Amino acid sequence: MLNNDWQGRVDQLLDGDLSEEEHAALAEVLEQNPAAMEWLVDRAWLHAGIRDAMQHKTIAKDWDLSP
């Protein structure tokens, strides 16, 4: 399991909000902890899904395709 601080850093990584030092520290944790890597993969899928949904909502609004 990944503690809350590292979970937050994974989200920051996916948002592009980590410094180089924070990125390196997180990479080390991910290499050493399979549960942490699993958390990253799960969050990456979630972030991708959210971005996709937001993009579709924006497109629907721009083209007046909203339900």
PDB file of N, CA and C in Angstrom:
ATOM      1  N   MET A   1       0.849  -1.191   0.000  1.00  0.00           N
ATOM      2  CA  MET A   1       0.000   0.000   0.000  1.00  0.00           C
ATOM      3  C   MET A   1       0.882   1.237   0.000  1.00  0.00           C
ATOM      4  N   LEU A   2       0.379   2.266  -0.566  1.00  0.00           N
ATOM      5  CA  LEU A   2       1.097   3.535  -0.689  1.00  0.00           C
ATOM      6  C   LEU A   2       0.466   4.527   0.287  1.00  0.00           C
ATOM      7  N   ASN A   3       1.300   5.198   1.081  1.00  0.00           N
ATOM      8  CA  ASN A   3       0.723   6.146   2.039  1.00  0.00           C
ATOM      9  C   ASN A   3       0.132   7.358   1.316  1.00  0.00           C
ATOM     10  N   ASN A   4      -0.656   8.125   2.051  1.00  0.00           N
ATOM     11  CA  ASN A   4      -1.387   9.252   1.450  1.00  0.00           C
ATOM     12  C   ASN A   4      -0.476  10.274   0.788  1.00  0.00           C
ATOM     13  N   ASP A   5       0.687  10.534   1.391  1.00  0.00           N
ATOM     14  CA  ASP A   5       1.612  11.510   0.806  1.00  0.00           C
ATOM     15  C   ASP A   5       2.065  11.056  -0.576  1.00  0.00           C
ATOM     16  N   TRP A   6       2.458   9.790  -0.686  1.00  0.00           N
ATOM     17  CA  TRP A   6       2.921   9.277  -1.980  1.00  0.00           C
ATOM     18  C   TRP A   6       1.769   9.161  -2.967  1.00  0.00           C
ATOM     19  N   GLN A   7       0.563   8.846  -2.473  1.00  0.00           N
ATOM     20  CA  GLN A   7      -0.597   8.812  -3.360  1.00  0.00           C
ATOM     21  C   GLN A   7      -0.819  10.198  -3.980  1.00  0.00           C
ATOM     22  N   GLY A   8      -0.692  11.219  -3.168  1.00  0.00           N
ATOM     23  CA  GLY A   8      -0.827  12.587  -3.673  1.00  0.00           C
ATOM     24  C   GLY A   8       0.243  12.925  -4.688  1.00  0.00           C
ATOM     25  N   ARG A   9       1.445  12.415  -4.449  1.00  0.00           N
ATOM     26  CA  ARG A   9       2.528  12.677  -5.403  1.00  0.00           C
ATOM     27  C   ARG A   9       2.295  11.978  -6.736  1.00  0.00           C
ATOM     28  N   VAL A  10       1.669  10.814  -6.693  1.00  0.00           N
ATOM     29  CA  VAL A  10       1.316  10.140  -7.947  1.00  0.00           C
ATOM     30  C   VAL A  10       0.360  11.024  -8.739  1.00  0.00           C
ATOM     31  N   ASP A  11      -0.632  11.575  -8.066  1.00  0.00           N
ATOM     32  CA  ASP A  11      -1.563  12.471  -8.759  1.00  0.00           C
ATOM     33  C   ASP A  11      -0.836  13.698  -9.295  1.00  0.00           C
ATOM     34  N   GLN A  12       0.093  14.237  -8.521  1.00  0.00           N
ATOM     35  CA  GLN A  12       0.874  15.380  -8.996  1.00  0.00           C
ATOM     36  C   GLN A  12       1.698  15.000 -10.226  1.00  0.00           C
ATOM     37  N   LEU A  13       2.263  13.800 -10.205  1.00  0.00           N
ATOM     38  CA  LEU A  13       3.025  13.323 -11.357  1.00  0.00           C
ATOM     39  C   LEU A  13       2.141  13.288 -12.596  1.00  0.00           C
ATOM     40  N   LEU A  14       0.953  12.730 -12.453  1.00  0.00           N
ATOM     41  CA  LEU A  14       0.045  12.612 -13.588  1.00  0.00           C
ATOM     42  C   LEU A  14      -0.448  13.970 -14.076  1.00  0.00           C
ATOM     43  N   ASP A  15      -0.459  14.947 -13.181  1.00  0.00           N
ATOM     44  CA  ASP A  15      -0.855  16.308 -13.552  1.00  0.00           C
ATOM     45  C   ASP A  15       0.324  17.141 -14.043  1.00  0.00           C
ATOM     46  N   GLY A  16       1.539  16.575 -13.968  1.00  0.00           N
ATOM     47  CA  GLY A  16       2.731  17.305 -14.398  1.00  0.00           C
ATOM     48  C   GLY A  16       3.188  18.350 -13.400  1.00  0.00           C
ATOM     49  N   ASP A  17       2.882  18.128 -12.114  1.00  0.00           N
ATOM     50  CA  ASP A  17       3.170  19.132 -11.095  1.00  0.00           C
ATOM     51  C   ASP A  17       4.301  18.759 -10.136  1.00  0.00           C
ATOM     52  N   LEU A  18       5.168  17.835 -10.501  1.00  0.00           N
ATOM     53  CA  LEU A  18       6.283  17.452  -9.625  1.00  0.00           C
ATOM     54  C   LEU A  18       7.580  18.111 -10.079  1.00  0.00           C
ATOM     55  N   SER A  19       8.378  18.493  -9.104  1.00  0.00           N
ATOM     56  CA  SER A  19       9.722  18.978  -9.426  1.00  0.00           C
ATOM     57  C   SER A  19      10.580  17.781  -9.837  1.00  0.00           C
ATOM     58  N   GLU A  20      11.740  18.057 -10.371  1.00  0.00           N
ATOM     59  CA  GLU A  20      12.642  16.963 -10.761  1.00  0.00           C
ATOM     60  C   GLU A  20      13.018  16.110  -9.561  1.00  0.00           C
ATOM     61  N   GLU A  21      13.254  16.750  -8.419  1.00  0.00           N
ATOM     62  CA  GLU A  21      13.639  16.026  -7.203  1.00  0.00           C
ATOM     63  C   GLU A  21      12.493  15.143  -6.715  1.00  0.00           C
ATOM     64  N   GLU A  22      11.270  15.683  -6.725  1.00  0.00           N
ATOM     65  CA  GLU A  22      10.114  14.900  -6.304  1.00  0.00           C
ATOM     66  C   GLU A  22       9.863  13.745  -7.259  1.00  0.00           C
ATOM     67  N   HIS A  23      10.060  14.000  -8.532  1.00  0.00           N
ATOM     68  CA  HIS A  23       9.877  12.953  -9.545  1.00  0.00           C
ATOM     69  C   HIS A  23      10.875  11.817  -9.316  1.00  0.00           C
ATOM     70  N   ALA A  24      12.121  12.157  -9.049  1.00  0.00           N
ATOM     71  CA  ALA A  24      13.152  11.144  -8.809  1.00  0.00           C
ATOM     72  C   ALA A  24      12.833  10.330  -7.555  1.00  0.00           C
ATOM     73  N   ALA A  25      12.387  10.996  -6.499  1.00  0.00           N
ATOM     74  CA  ALA A  25      12.051  10.292  -5.255  1.00  0.00           C
ATOM     75  C   ALA A  25      10.870   9.349  -5.479  1.00  0.00           C
ATOM     76  N   LEU A  26       9.866   9.813  -6.207  1.00  0.00           N
ATOM     77  CA  LEU A  26       8.715   8.963  -6.494  1.00  0.00           C
ATOM     78  C   LEU A  26       9.113   7.784  -7.368  1.00  0.00           C
ATOM     79  N   ALA A  27       9.965   8.007  -8.345  1.00  0.00           N
ATOM     80  CA  ALA A  27      10.422   6.924  -9.219  1.00  0.00           C
ATOM     81  C   ALA A  27      11.099   5.829  -8.408  1.00  0.00           C
ATOM     82  N   GLU A  28      11.866   6.220  -7.405  1.00  0.00           N
ATOM     83  CA  GLU A  28      12.540   5.241  -6.540  1.00  0.00           C
ATOM     84  C   GLU A  28      11.516   4.421  -5.759  1.00  0.00           C
ATOM     85  N   VAL A  29      10.505   5.085  -5.225  1.00  0.00           N
ATOM     86  CA  VAL A  29       9.454   4.377  -4.486  1.00  0.00           C
ATOM     87  C   VAL A  29       8.734   3.411  -5.415  1.00  0.00           C
ATOM     88  N   LEU A  30       8.416   3.852  -6.614  1.00  0.00           N
ATOM     89  CA  LEU A  30       7.705   3.007  -7.566  1.00  0.00           C
ATOM     90  C   LEU A  30       8.521   1.783  -7.967  1.00  0.00           C
ATOM     91  N   GLU A  31       9.823   1.953  -8.095  1.00  0.00           N
ATOM     92  CA  GLU A  31      10.695   0.830  -8.463  1.00  0.00           C
ATOM     93  C   GLU A  31      10.769  -0.213  -7.359  1.00  0.00           C
ATOM     94  N   GLN A  32      10.683   0.232  -6.118  1.00  0.00           N
ATOM     95  CA  GLN A  32      10.868  -0.665  -4.977  1.00  0.00           C
ATOM     96  C   GLN A  32       9.571  -1.248  -4.432  1.00  0.00           C
ATOM     97  N   ASN A  33       8.427  -0.721  -4.866  1.00  0.00           N
ATOM     98  CA  ASN A  33       7.167  -1.108  -4.254  1.00  0.00           C
ATOM     99  C   ASN A  33       6.138  -1.455  -5.334  1.00  0.00           C
ATOM    100  N   PRO A  34       5.886  -2.748  -5.556  1.00  0.00           N
ATOM    101  CA  PRO A  34       4.915  -3.141  -6.586  1.00  0.00           C
ATOM    102  C   PRO A  34       3.515  -2.577  -6.337  1.00  0.00           C
ATOM    103  N   ALA A  35       3.112  -2.444  -5.077  1.00  0.00           N
ATOM    104  CA  ALA A  35       1.795  -1.874  -4.768  1.00  0.00           C
ATOM    105  C   ALA A  35       1.734  -0.406  -5.190  1.00  0.00           C
ATOM    106  N   ALA A  36       2.847   0.283  -5.053  1.00  0.00           N
ATOM    107  CA  ALA A  36       2.909   1.679  -5.476  1.00  0.00           C
ATOM    108  C   ALA A  36       2.775   1.778  -6.994  1.00  0.00           C
ATOM    109  N   MET A  37       3.424   0.887  -7.705  1.00  0.00           N
ATOM    110  CA  MET A  37       3.318   0.884  -9.165  1.00  0.00           C
ATOM    111  C   MET A  37       1.891   0.563  -9.586  1.00  0.00           C
ATOM    112  N   GLU A  38       1.244  -0.353  -8.875  1.00  0.00           N
ATOM    113  CA  GLU A  38      -0.152  -0.678  -9.175  1.00  0.00           C
ATOM    114  C   GLU A  38      -1.045   0.549  -8.950  1.00  0.00           C
ATOM    115  N   TRP A  39      -0.765   1.302  -7.875  1.00  0.00           N
ATOM    116  CA  TRP A  39      -1.519   2.530  -7.602  1.00  0.00           C
ATOM    117  C   TRP A  39      -1.348   3.518  -8.761  1.00  0.00           C
ATOM    118  N   LEU A  40      -0.107   3.664  -9.242  1.00  0.00           N
ATOM    119  CA  LEU A  40       0.167   4.564 -10.358  1.00  0.00           C
ATOM    120  C   LEU A  40      -0.639   4.156 -11.592  1.00  0.00           C
ATOM    121  N   VAL A  41      -0.642   2.883 -11.917  1.00  0.00           N
ATOM    122  CA  VAL A  41      -1.370   2.407 -13.098  1.00  0.00           C
ATOM    123  C   VAL A  41      -2.866   2.683 -12.946  1.00  0.00           C
ATOM    124  N   ASP A  42      -3.417   2.374 -11.769  1.00  0.00           N
ATOM    125  CA  ASP A  42      -4.838   2.626 -11.537  1.00  0.00           C
ATOM    126  C   ASP A  42      -5.172   4.105 -11.663  1.00  0.00           C
ATOM    127  N   ARG A  43      -4.343   4.952 -11.077  1.00  0.00           N
ATOM    128  CA  ARG A  43      -4.589   6.392 -11.133  1.00  0.00           C
ATOM    129  C   ARG A  43      -4.415   6.934 -12.552  1.00  0.00           C
ATOM    130  N   ALA A  44      -3.459   6.372 -13.288  1.00  0.00           N
ATOM    131  CA  ALA A  44      -3.248   6.808 -14.668  1.00  0.00           C
ATOM    132  C   ALA A  44      -4.503   6.526 -15.506  1.00  0.00           C
ATOM    133  N   TRP A  45      -5.098   5.343 -15.318  1.00  0.00           N
ATOM    134  CA  TRP A  45      -6.341   5.017 -16.026  1.00  0.00           C
ATOM    135  C   TRP A  45      -7.450   5.981 -15.622  1.00  0.00           C
ATOM    136  N   LEU A  46      -7.549   6.283 -14.323  1.00  0.00           N
ATOM    137  CA  LEU A  46      -8.573   7.207 -13.844  1.00  0.00           C
ATOM    138  C   LEU A  46      -8.377   8.598 -14.439  1.00  0.00           C
ATOM    139  N   HIS A  47      -7.147   9.107 -14.394  1.00  0.00           N
ATOM    140  CA  HIS A  47      -6.856  10.432 -14.955  1.00  0.00           C
ATOM    141  C   HIS A  47      -7.170  10.476 -16.454  1.00  0.00           C
ATOM    142  N   ALA A  48      -6.814   9.410 -17.161  1.00  0.00           N
ATOM    143  CA  ALA A  48      -7.091   9.365 -18.601  1.00  0.00           C
ATOM    144  C   ALA A  48      -8.592   9.375 -18.860  1.00  0.00           C
ATOM    145  N   GLY A  49      -9.337   8.633 -18.060  1.00  0.00           N
ATOM    146  CA  GLY A  49     -10.786   8.602 -18.210  1.00  0.00           C
ATOM    147  C   GLY A  49     -11.419   9.959 -17.946  1.00  0.00           C
ATOM    148  N   ILE A  50     -10.928  10.642 -16.928  1.00  0.00           N
ATOM    149  CA  ILE A  50     -11.447  11.972 -16.607  1.00  0.00           C
ATOM    150  C   ILE A  50     -11.141  12.952 -17.732  1.00  0.00           C
ATOM    151  N   ARG A  51      -9.894  12.929 -18.222  1.00  0.00           N
ATOM    152  CA  ARG A  51      -9.533  13.829 -19.326  1.00  0.00           C
ATOM    153  C   ARG A  51     -10.396  13.547 -20.554  1.00  0.00           C
ATOM    154  N   ASP A  52     -10.615  12.268 -20.844  1.00  0.00           N
ATOM    155  CA  ASP A  52     -11.424  11.893 -22.001  1.00  0.00           C
ATOM    156  C   ASP A  52     -12.863  12.385 -21.833  1.00  0.00           C
ATOM    157  N   ALA A  53     -13.424  12.186 -20.648  1.00  0.00           N
ATOM    158  CA  ALA A  53     -14.790  12.637 -20.396  1.00  0.00           C
ATOM    159  C   ALA A  53     -14.896  14.152 -20.500  1.00  0.00           C
ATOM    160  N   MET A  54     -13.905  14.852 -19.976  1.00  0.00           N
ATOM    161  CA  MET A  54     -13.921  16.308 -20.047  1.00  0.00           C
ATOM    162  C   MET A  54     -13.822  16.778 -21.495  1.00  0.00           C
ATOM    163  N   GLN A  55     -12.987  16.109 -22.277  1.00  0.00           N
ATOM    164  CA  GLN A  55     -12.842  16.488 -23.678  1.00  0.00           C
ATOM    165  C   GLN A  55     -14.152  16.268 -24.423  1.00  0.00           C
ATOM    166  N   HIS A  56     -14.801  15.141 -24.177  1.00  0.00           N
ATOM    167  CA  HIS A  56     -16.072  14.868 -24.848  1.00  0.00           C
ATOM    168  C   HIS A  56     -17.141  15.860 -24.421  1.00  0.00           C
ATOM    169  N   LYS A  57     -17.138  16.237 -23.161  1.00  0.00           N
ATOM    170  CA  LYS A  57     -18.111  17.219 -22.692  1.00  0.00           C
ATOM    171  C   LYS A  57     -17.872  18.564 -23.367  1.00  0.00           C
ATOM    172  N   THR A  58     -16.605  18.945 -23.498  1.00  0.00           N
ATOM    173  CA  THR A  58     -16.270  20.198 -24.171  1.00  0.00           C
ATOM    174  C   THR A  58     -16.690  20.149 -25.629  1.00  0.00           C
ATOM    175  N   ILE A  59     -16.418  19.044 -26.292  1.00  0.00           N
ATOM    176  CA  ILE A  59     -16.812  18.898 -27.703  1.00  0.00           C
ATOM    177  C   ILE A  59     -18.326  18.951 -27.823  1.00  0.00           C
ATOM    178  N   ALA A  60     -19.027  18.249 -26.930  1.00  0.00           N
ATOM    179  CA  ALA A  60     -20.485  18.247 -26.976  1.00  0.00           C
ATOM    180  C   ALA A  60     -21.028  19.657 -26.772  1.00  0.00           C
ATOM    181  N   LYS A  61     -20.424  20.412 -25.873  1.00  0.00           N
ATOM    182  CA  LYS A  61     -20.877  21.780 -25.621  1.00  0.00           C
ATOM    183  C   LYS A  61     -20.602  22.659 -26.838  1.00  0.00           C
ATOM    184  N   ASP A  62     -19.391  22.535 -27.400  1.00  0.00           N
ATOM    185  CA  ASP A  62     -19.032  23.341 -28.561  1.00  0.00           C
ATOM    186  C   ASP A  62     -19.933  23.059 -29.763  1.00  0.00           C
ATOM    187  N   TRP A  63     -20.355  21.822 -29.901  1.00  0.00           N
ATOM    188  CA  TRP A  63     -21.188  21.449 -31.048  1.00  0.00           C
ATOM    189  C   TRP A  63     -22.659  21.350 -30.680  1.00  0.00           C
ATOM    190  N   ASP A  64     -22.996  21.750 -29.456  1.00  0.00           N
ATOM    191  CA  ASP A  64     -24.361  21.683 -28.948  1.00  0.00           C
ATOM    192  C   ASP A  64     -24.928  20.271 -29.081  1.00  0.00           C
ATOM    193  N   LEU A  65     -24.115  19.286 -28.633  1.00  0.00           N
ATOM    194  CA  LEU A  65     -24.534  17.881 -28.685  1.00  0.00           C
ATOM    195  C   LEU A  65     -24.902  17.358 -27.312  1.00  0.00           C
ATOM    196  N   SER A  66     -25.002  18.232 -26.331  1.00  0.00           N
ATOM    197  CA  SER A  66     -25.291  17.775 -24.985  1.00  0.00           C
ATOM    198  C   SER A  66     -26.695  17.191 -24.917  1.00  0.00           C
ATOM    199  N   PRO A  67     -26.850  16.154 -24.079  1.00  0.00           N
ATOM    200  CA  PRO A  67     -28.149  15.466 -23.990  1.00  0.00           C
ATOM    201  C   PRO A  67     -29.239  16.340 -23.416  1.00  0.00           C
TER     202      PRO A  67
END
